[in-house]
Amino acid sequence: MDEKLADESGRLAALQRYEVLDTPREASFDRITSLVQAIFNVPIVLVSLVDRDRQWFKSCIGLDIDSTSRDISFCTYTIQAREPLHVPDALEDSRFATSVLVTGKPYIRSYLGIPLTTSDGYNVGSLCAIDTKPREYSAEQIQLLGSFASLVVDELELRRIAQTDSLTGAATRRGFLLEMEKLIARSSRNGRPNSLLLLDIDHFKSINDTHGHPAGDTVLRSVSDRLYQLLRAGDVLGRIGGEEFGVLLPDTDIQGAYETAERLRTGIAAAPLCFNPLLNVTASFGVCSWQPTYTADEWLAGADKALYEAKRTGRNRSCLN
């Protein structure tokens, strides 16, 4: 038996590496499902990712839900094989005839699912075309849907690459905003406090002007390394742009966030860089806790307002909003 198909913990780890679960809809995936719907003339098309206990839809046409329990999903069967899962008539298939998805809404009768296989051989989900009437697919149609499934995997890979800043290893602005959206969605459900820090390296332009851009790159890497040393495993570091970084602090109220900002600020200041002479680097911090009315942009604006105040009043300090 294919070892990767039997390695559930490895499969879940491969899925988690994409950091895609519970993220907002993205046009790159929706374009693929729209094309599949138009070409195959089916009412339902899904990019389905199979988590531990659920299947979650990164892109969904024809359903008004974003997930179902894994134990009732067709996709659970799709990821167990390397070949496409072709079900011409679900009522004639003993695996699905009594499924609530067949006997009730959305009344699935035919299903064609292609495994979404990572470069290291794990099936993390499927691209599937679903109809409410029996349907046979030709070999050419199955091959075509397979090509679209490859595009989905390519988008997952590009999305992962685009979320990491190559210089610092932190999340890119795009990746950081997606993490903010995920945290906002989670907080909307569980009511837990979350906070955001924005920090700006003080007088960074003068560092570049005096020591050159390679020195500026070294400062950016050194600051991000120091931040990673001081942050918790669940915190998220992002490079928002230039010399500005963001830190997401899950389950952290405003007081805890301020204490964290001060710990990071003093940690950066206490580690001079080995230039000749030693280069002392400091940073200014803005602190803002999430409020239920905040969008991601509004949350960023609140932290940016506090950061501006920290820079206006002398730098190398933390201010609250």
Protein backbone atom coordinates (compact mmCIF):
# COMPACT_ATOMS: atom_id res chain seq x y z
CA MET A 1 0.00 0.00 0.00
CA ASP A 2 1.09 3.59 -0.71
CA GLU A 3 2.65 4.72 2.61
CA LYS A 4 1.67 8.36 2.11
CA LEU A 5 -1.99 7.42 1.75
CA ALA A 6 -1.84 5.66 5.13
CA ASP A 7 0.08 8.44 6.89
CA GLU A 8 -2.74 10.60 8.30
CA SER A 9 -0.53 12.62 10.63
CA GLY A 10 1.81 13.43 7.75
CA ARG A 11 -1.15 14.38 5.56
CA LEU A 12 -2.54 16.75 8.19
CA ALA A 13 0.91 18.31 8.64
CA ALA A 14 1.14 18.85 4.87
CA LEU A 15 -2.26 20.54 4.92
CA GLN A 16 -1.30 22.77 7.85
CA ARG A 17 1.85 23.93 6.05
CA TYR A 18 -0.35 25.74 3.54
CA GLU A 19 -1.97 27.77 6.36
CA VAL A 20 -5.10 28.01 4.23
CA LEU A 21 -7.89 26.66 6.46
CA ASP A 22 -10.50 29.26 7.47
CA THR A 23 -9.02 31.94 5.23
CA PRO A 24 -11.27 34.25 3.16
CA ARG A 25 -12.23 33.43 -0.40
CA GLU A 26 -9.58 34.23 -3.01
CA ALA A 27 -10.15 35.06 -6.65
CA SER A 28 -7.42 32.71 -7.88
CA PHE A 29 -9.31 29.67 -6.56
CA ASP A 30 -12.76 30.99 -7.47
CA ARG A 31 -11.66 31.44 -11.09
CA ILE A 32 -10.83 27.75 -11.29
CA THR A 33 -14.16 26.58 -9.86
CA SER A 34 -16.03 29.00 -12.14
CA LEU A 35 -14.24 27.59 -15.18
CA VAL A 36 -15.00 24.01 -14.11
CA GLN A 37 -18.68 24.88 -13.67
CA ALA A 38 -18.85 26.50 -17.10
CA ILE A 39 -17.01 23.69 -18.91
CA PHE A 40 -18.67 20.74 -17.17
CA ASN A 41 -22.10 22.36 -16.78
CA VAL A 42 -22.60 21.20 -13.18
CA PRO A 43 -24.42 23.02 -10.38
CA ILE A 44 -21.79 22.39 -7.68
CA VAL A 45 -18.00 22.72 -7.81
CA LEU A 46 -15.78 22.58 -4.73
CA VAL A 47 -12.17 22.98 -3.75
CA SER A 48 -12.44 20.83 -0.64
CA LEU A 49 -9.67 20.47 1.93
CA VAL A 50 -9.94 17.60 4.39
CA ASP A 51 -9.04 18.50 7.96
CA ARG A 52 -9.05 16.12 10.91
CA ASP A 53 -12.81 16.13 11.44
CA ARG A 54 -14.26 18.20 8.60
CA GLN A 55 -14.00 19.08 4.95
CA TRP A 56 -13.62 22.83 4.43
CA PHE A 57 -14.24 24.59 1.13
CA LYS A 58 -11.61 27.06 -0.05
CA SER A 59 -13.82 27.72 -3.05
CA CYS A 60 -17.46 26.73 -3.36
CA ILE A 61 -20.05 27.17 -6.08
CA GLY A 62 -23.59 25.92 -5.56
CA LEU A 63 -23.64 25.47 -1.77
CA ASP A 64 -24.34 28.04 0.94
CA ILE A 65 -22.07 26.39 3.53
CA ASP A 66 -18.29 26.44 3.96
CA SER A 67 -17.77 23.00 5.51
CA THR A 68 -19.31 19.66 6.40
CA SER A 69 -18.40 16.87 8.75
CA ARG A 70 -15.63 14.72 7.32
CA ASP A 71 -17.45 11.46 8.03
CA ILE A 72 -20.22 12.21 5.50
CA SER A 73 -18.01 13.65 2.76
CA PHE A 74 -17.31 12.08 -0.62
CA CYS A 75 -13.92 13.78 -0.47
CA THR A 76 -12.86 11.48 2.38
CA TYR A 77 -12.93 8.63 -0.13
CA THR A 78 -11.21 10.71 -2.82
CA ILE A 79 -8.11 11.33 -0.73
CA GLN A 80 -7.69 7.62 -0.02
CA ALA A 81 -6.52 6.88 -3.57
CA ARG A 82 -4.28 8.22 -6.31
CA GLU A 83 -6.95 7.88 -8.99
CA PRO A 84 -10.00 10.12 -9.45
CA LEU A 85 -13.19 9.11 -7.68
CA HIS A 86 -15.94 8.76 -10.30
CA VAL A 87 -19.46 8.06 -8.99
CA PRO A 88 -21.93 8.07 -11.93
CA ASP A 89 -24.98 7.47 -9.69
CA ALA A 90 -24.67 7.76 -5.92
CA LEU A 91 -27.92 5.88 -5.36
CA GLU A 92 -26.37 2.86 -7.08
CA ASP A 93 -23.16 3.01 -5.00
CA SER A 94 -23.27 1.22 -1.65
CA ARG A 95 -20.78 3.68 -0.14
CA PHE A 96 -23.06 6.66 -0.70
CA ALA A 97 -26.64 5.49 -1.30
CA THR A 98 -27.76 6.26 2.27
CA SER A 99 -25.65 9.39 2.75
CA VAL A 100 -27.53 12.44 4.01
CA LEU A 101 -25.88 14.38 1.20
CA VAL A 102 -27.57 12.06 -1.29
CA THR A 103 -30.96 11.48 0.36
CA GLY A 104 -31.19 15.13 1.46
CA LYS A 105 -29.84 18.48 0.34
CA PRO A 106 -27.89 19.01 -1.89
CA TYR A 107 -29.20 15.67 -3.32
CA ILE A 108 -25.92 14.54 -4.85
CA ARG A 109 -26.38 11.96 -7.62
CA SER A 110 -23.08 12.11 -9.51
CA TYR A 111 -19.63 13.01 -8.30
CA LEU A 112 -16.22 13.38 -9.89
CA GLY A 113 -13.36 14.19 -7.53
CA ILE A 114 -9.65 14.58 -8.26
CA PRO A 115 -7.20 14.34 -5.33
CA LEU A 116 -5.18 17.47 -4.60
CA THR A 117 -1.73 15.95 -4.19
CA THR A 118 1.17 17.94 -2.70
CA SER A 119 4.67 17.83 -4.14
CA ASP A 120 5.64 15.41 -1.36
CA GLY A 121 2.79 13.03 -2.16
CA TYR A 122 0.02 13.80 0.34
CA ASN A 123 -3.62 14.13 -0.69
CA VAL A 124 -4.88 17.19 1.19
CA GLY A 125 -8.25 17.50 -0.50
CA SER A 126 -10.03 17.37 -3.82
CA LEU A 127 -11.41 19.37 -6.70
CA CYS A 128 -14.84 17.97 -7.37
CA ALA A 129 -17.67 18.44 -9.87
CA ILE A 130 -21.08 17.46 -8.48
CA ASP A 131 -24.42 17.05 -10.20
CA THR A 132 -27.96 16.42 -8.95
CA LYS A 133 -28.61 13.91 -11.71
CA PRO A 134 -26.76 10.73 -12.74
CA ARG A 135 -23.85 11.37 -15.03
CA GLU A 136 -21.01 9.51 -16.71
CA TYR A 137 -17.75 11.32 -17.41
CA SER A 138 -15.47 10.44 -20.31
CA ALA A 139 -11.76 9.75 -19.89
CA GLU A 140 -11.06 13.10 -21.58
CA GLN A 141 -13.29 14.95 -19.12
CA ILE A 142 -11.65 13.23 -16.15
CA GLN A 143 -8.23 14.16 -17.52
CA LEU A 144 -9.35 17.77 -17.96
CA LEU A 145 -10.60 18.03 -14.38
CA GLY A 146 -7.25 16.57 -13.34
CA SER A 147 -5.51 19.47 -15.09
CA PHE A 148 -7.66 21.93 -13.15
CA ALA A 149 -6.79 20.10 -9.92
CA SER A 150 -3.10 20.60 -10.71
CA LEU A 151 -3.79 24.32 -11.05
CA VAL A 152 -5.38 24.31 -7.59
CA VAL A 153 -2.25 22.73 -6.10
CA ASP A 154 -0.11 25.28 -7.96
CA GLU A 155 -2.17 28.08 -6.42
CA LEU A 156 -1.75 26.58 -2.95
CA GLU A 157 2.02 26.49 -3.47
CA LEU A 158 2.17 30.03 -4.87
CA ARG A 159 0.00 31.24 -2.02
CA ARG A 160 2.39 29.70 0.50
CA ILE A 161 5.46 31.24 -1.17
CA ALA A 162 3.78 34.65 -1.46
CA GLN A 163 3.10 34.70 2.27
CA THR A 164 6.76 34.54 3.35
CA ASP A 165 9.21 37.41 3.11
CA SER A 166 12.44 36.04 1.63
CA LEU A 167 14.72 38.40 3.58
CA THR A 168 13.37 38.01 7.11
CA GLY A 169 11.34 34.81 7.05
CA ALA A 170 8.36 36.73 8.45
CA ALA A 171 4.94 36.72 6.81
CA THR A 172 4.49 39.13 3.93
CA ARG A 173 1.89 41.88 4.25
CA ARG A 174 -0.52 39.69 2.27
CA GLY A 175 0.13 36.68 4.49
CA PHE A 176 -0.15 38.78 7.63
CA LEU A 177 -3.51 40.22 6.58
CA LEU A 178 -4.79 36.69 5.96
CA GLU A 179 -3.66 35.72 9.47
CA MET A 180 -5.50 38.76 10.82
CA GLU A 181 -8.68 37.68 9.03
CA LYS A 182 -8.39 34.19 10.48
CA LEU A 183 -7.89 35.55 13.99
CA ILE A 184 -10.84 37.95 13.61
CA ALA A 185 -13.06 35.06 12.48
CA ARG A 186 -11.94 32.97 15.45
CA SER A 187 -12.48 35.82 17.92
CA SER A 188 -15.94 36.47 16.51
CA ARG A 189 -16.80 32.89 17.45
CA ASN A 190 -15.09 32.49 20.82
CA GLY A 191 -14.94 36.06 22.15
CA ARG A 192 -11.29 35.74 23.18
CA PRO A 193 -9.13 38.89 23.31
CA ASN A 194 -6.45 39.44 20.69
CA SER A 195 -3.96 42.23 20.18
CA LEU A 196 -1.82 43.68 17.41
CA LEU A 197 1.58 45.32 17.63
CA LEU A 198 3.09 47.46 14.90
CA LEU A 199 6.77 48.34 15.21
CA ASP A 200 9.01 50.53 13.16
CA ILE A 201 12.82 50.44 13.29
CA ASP A 202 13.94 53.89 14.38
CA HIS A 203 15.99 56.03 11.97
CA PHE A 204 16.24 53.18 9.47
CA LYS A 205 16.87 55.54 6.54
CA SER A 206 19.96 56.92 8.23
CA ILE A 207 21.26 53.35 8.73
CA ASN A 208 20.95 52.74 4.98
CA ASP A 209 22.46 56.14 4.14
CA THR A 210 25.39 55.74 6.53
CA HIS A 211 26.22 52.05 6.25
CA GLY A 212 24.66 51.04 2.93
CA HIS A 213 21.70 48.87 1.98
CA PRO A 214 23.43 45.55 2.80
CA ALA A 215 23.72 46.84 6.37
CA GLY A 216 20.03 47.72 6.31
CA ASP A 217 19.20 44.17 5.22
CA THR A 218 21.34 42.83 8.07
CA VAL A 219 19.41 45.02 10.53
CA LEU A 220 16.08 43.74 9.21
CA ARG A 221 17.19 40.11 9.52
CA SER A 222 18.65 40.69 12.99
CA VAL A 223 15.52 42.41 14.28
CA SER A 224 13.26 39.67 12.93
CA ASP A 225 15.53 36.99 14.44
CA ARG A 226 15.39 38.75 17.81
CA LEU A 227 11.61 39.03 17.64
CA TYR A 228 11.27 35.32 16.85
CA GLN A 229 13.44 34.53 19.89
CA LEU A 230 11.15 36.53 22.17
CA LEU A 231 7.71 35.63 20.80
CA ARG A 232 5.51 32.69 21.70
CA ALA A 233 5.01 29.80 19.31
CA GLY A 234 1.46 30.89 18.46
CA ASP A 235 2.30 34.54 17.79
CA VAL A 236 2.53 35.71 14.17
CA LEU A 237 5.29 37.99 12.88
CA GLY A 238 4.88 39.84 9.60
CA ARG A 239 6.89 42.33 7.60
CA ILE A 240 4.28 44.91 6.73
CA GLY A 241 6.56 46.97 4.51
CA GLY A 242 10.06 48.42 4.52
CA GLU A 243 11.24 48.57 8.11
CA GLU A 244 7.78 48.06 9.64
CA PHE A 245 6.75 44.79 11.27
CA GLY A 246 3.49 43.53 12.73
CA VAL A 247 2.94 41.03 15.53
CA LEU A 248 -0.36 39.25 16.16
CA LEU A 249 -0.87 38.18 19.77
CA PRO A 250 -3.73 35.66 20.10
CA ASP A 251 -5.53 35.41 23.44
CA THR A 252 -3.81 38.56 24.70
CA ASP A 253 -5.54 41.60 26.20
CA ILE A 254 -4.27 45.17 25.98
CA GLN A 255 -2.23 44.99 29.18
CA GLY A 256 -0.54 41.77 28.14
CA ALA A 257 0.11 43.22 24.70
CA TYR A 258 1.74 46.34 26.16
CA GLU A 259 3.97 44.18 28.37
CA THR A 260 4.94 42.12 25.32
CA ALA A 261 5.70 45.26 23.32
CA GLU A 262 7.99 46.51 26.08
CA ARG A 263 9.74 43.17 26.30
CA LEU A 264 10.34 43.17 22.55
CA ARG A 265 11.42 46.79 22.52
CA THR A 266 14.00 46.35 25.28
CA GLY A 267 15.14 43.07 23.72
CA ILE A 268 15.89 44.79 20.42
CA ALA A 269 17.69 47.71 22.11
CA ALA A 270 19.81 45.36 24.23
CA ALA A 271 21.34 43.56 21.23
CA PRO A 272 23.69 45.91 19.32
CA LEU A 273 24.88 44.71 15.93
CA CYS A 274 28.53 44.00 15.20
CA PHE A 275 29.39 46.85 12.92
CA ASN A 276 32.45 49.05 13.42
CA PRO A 277 31.54 50.73 15.70
CA LEU A 278 28.69 48.72 17.20
CA LEU A 279 25.32 49.72 15.76
CA ASN A 280 22.59 50.25 18.33
CA VAL A 281 19.12 49.64 16.91
CA THR A 282 15.85 50.64 18.55
CA ALA A 283 12.21 50.38 17.54
CA SER A 284 8.94 52.18 18.29
CA PHE A 285 5.77 50.20 19.02
CA GLY A 286 2.04 50.82 18.63
CA VAL A 287 -0.36 48.55 20.52
CA CYS A 288 -4.04 47.98 19.72
CA SER A 289 -6.48 45.30 20.90
CA TRP A 290 -9.13 43.94 18.57
CA GLN A 291 -12.69 45.17 19.00
CA PRO A 292 -15.75 43.31 17.66
CA THR A 293 -16.50 46.17 15.26
CA TYR A 294 -13.00 46.15 13.71
CA THR A 295 -12.17 45.00 10.23
CA ALA A 296 -8.55 44.03 9.58
CA ASP A 297 -7.89 47.45 8.04
CA GLU A 298 -9.44 49.25 11.01
CA TRP A 299 -7.38 47.16 13.43
CA LEU A 300 -4.22 48.04 11.51
CA ALA A 301 -5.21 51.71 11.51
CA GLY A 302 -5.63 51.65 15.29
CA ALA A 303 -2.18 50.18 15.83
CA ASP A 304 -0.69 52.56 13.28
CA LYS A 305 -2.16 55.53 15.16
CA ALA A 306 -0.45 54.34 18.35
CA LEU A 307 2.81 53.75 16.45
CA TYR A 308 2.71 57.30 15.10
CA GLU A 309 2.31 58.61 18.64
CA ALA A 310 5.33 56.56 19.79
CA LYS A 311 7.47 58.06 17.02
CA ARG A 312 6.11 61.58 17.54
CA THR A 313 6.93 61.56 21.25
CA GLY A 314 10.57 60.50 20.94
CA ARG A 315 10.79 56.93 19.51
CA ASN A 316 12.07 53.80 21.29
CA ARG A 317 8.85 53.54 23.25
CA SER A 318 5.48 51.78 23.19
CA CYS A 319 2.13 53.57 22.96
CA LEU A 320 -1.43 52.28 23.28
CA ASN A 321 -4.52 53.03 21.29
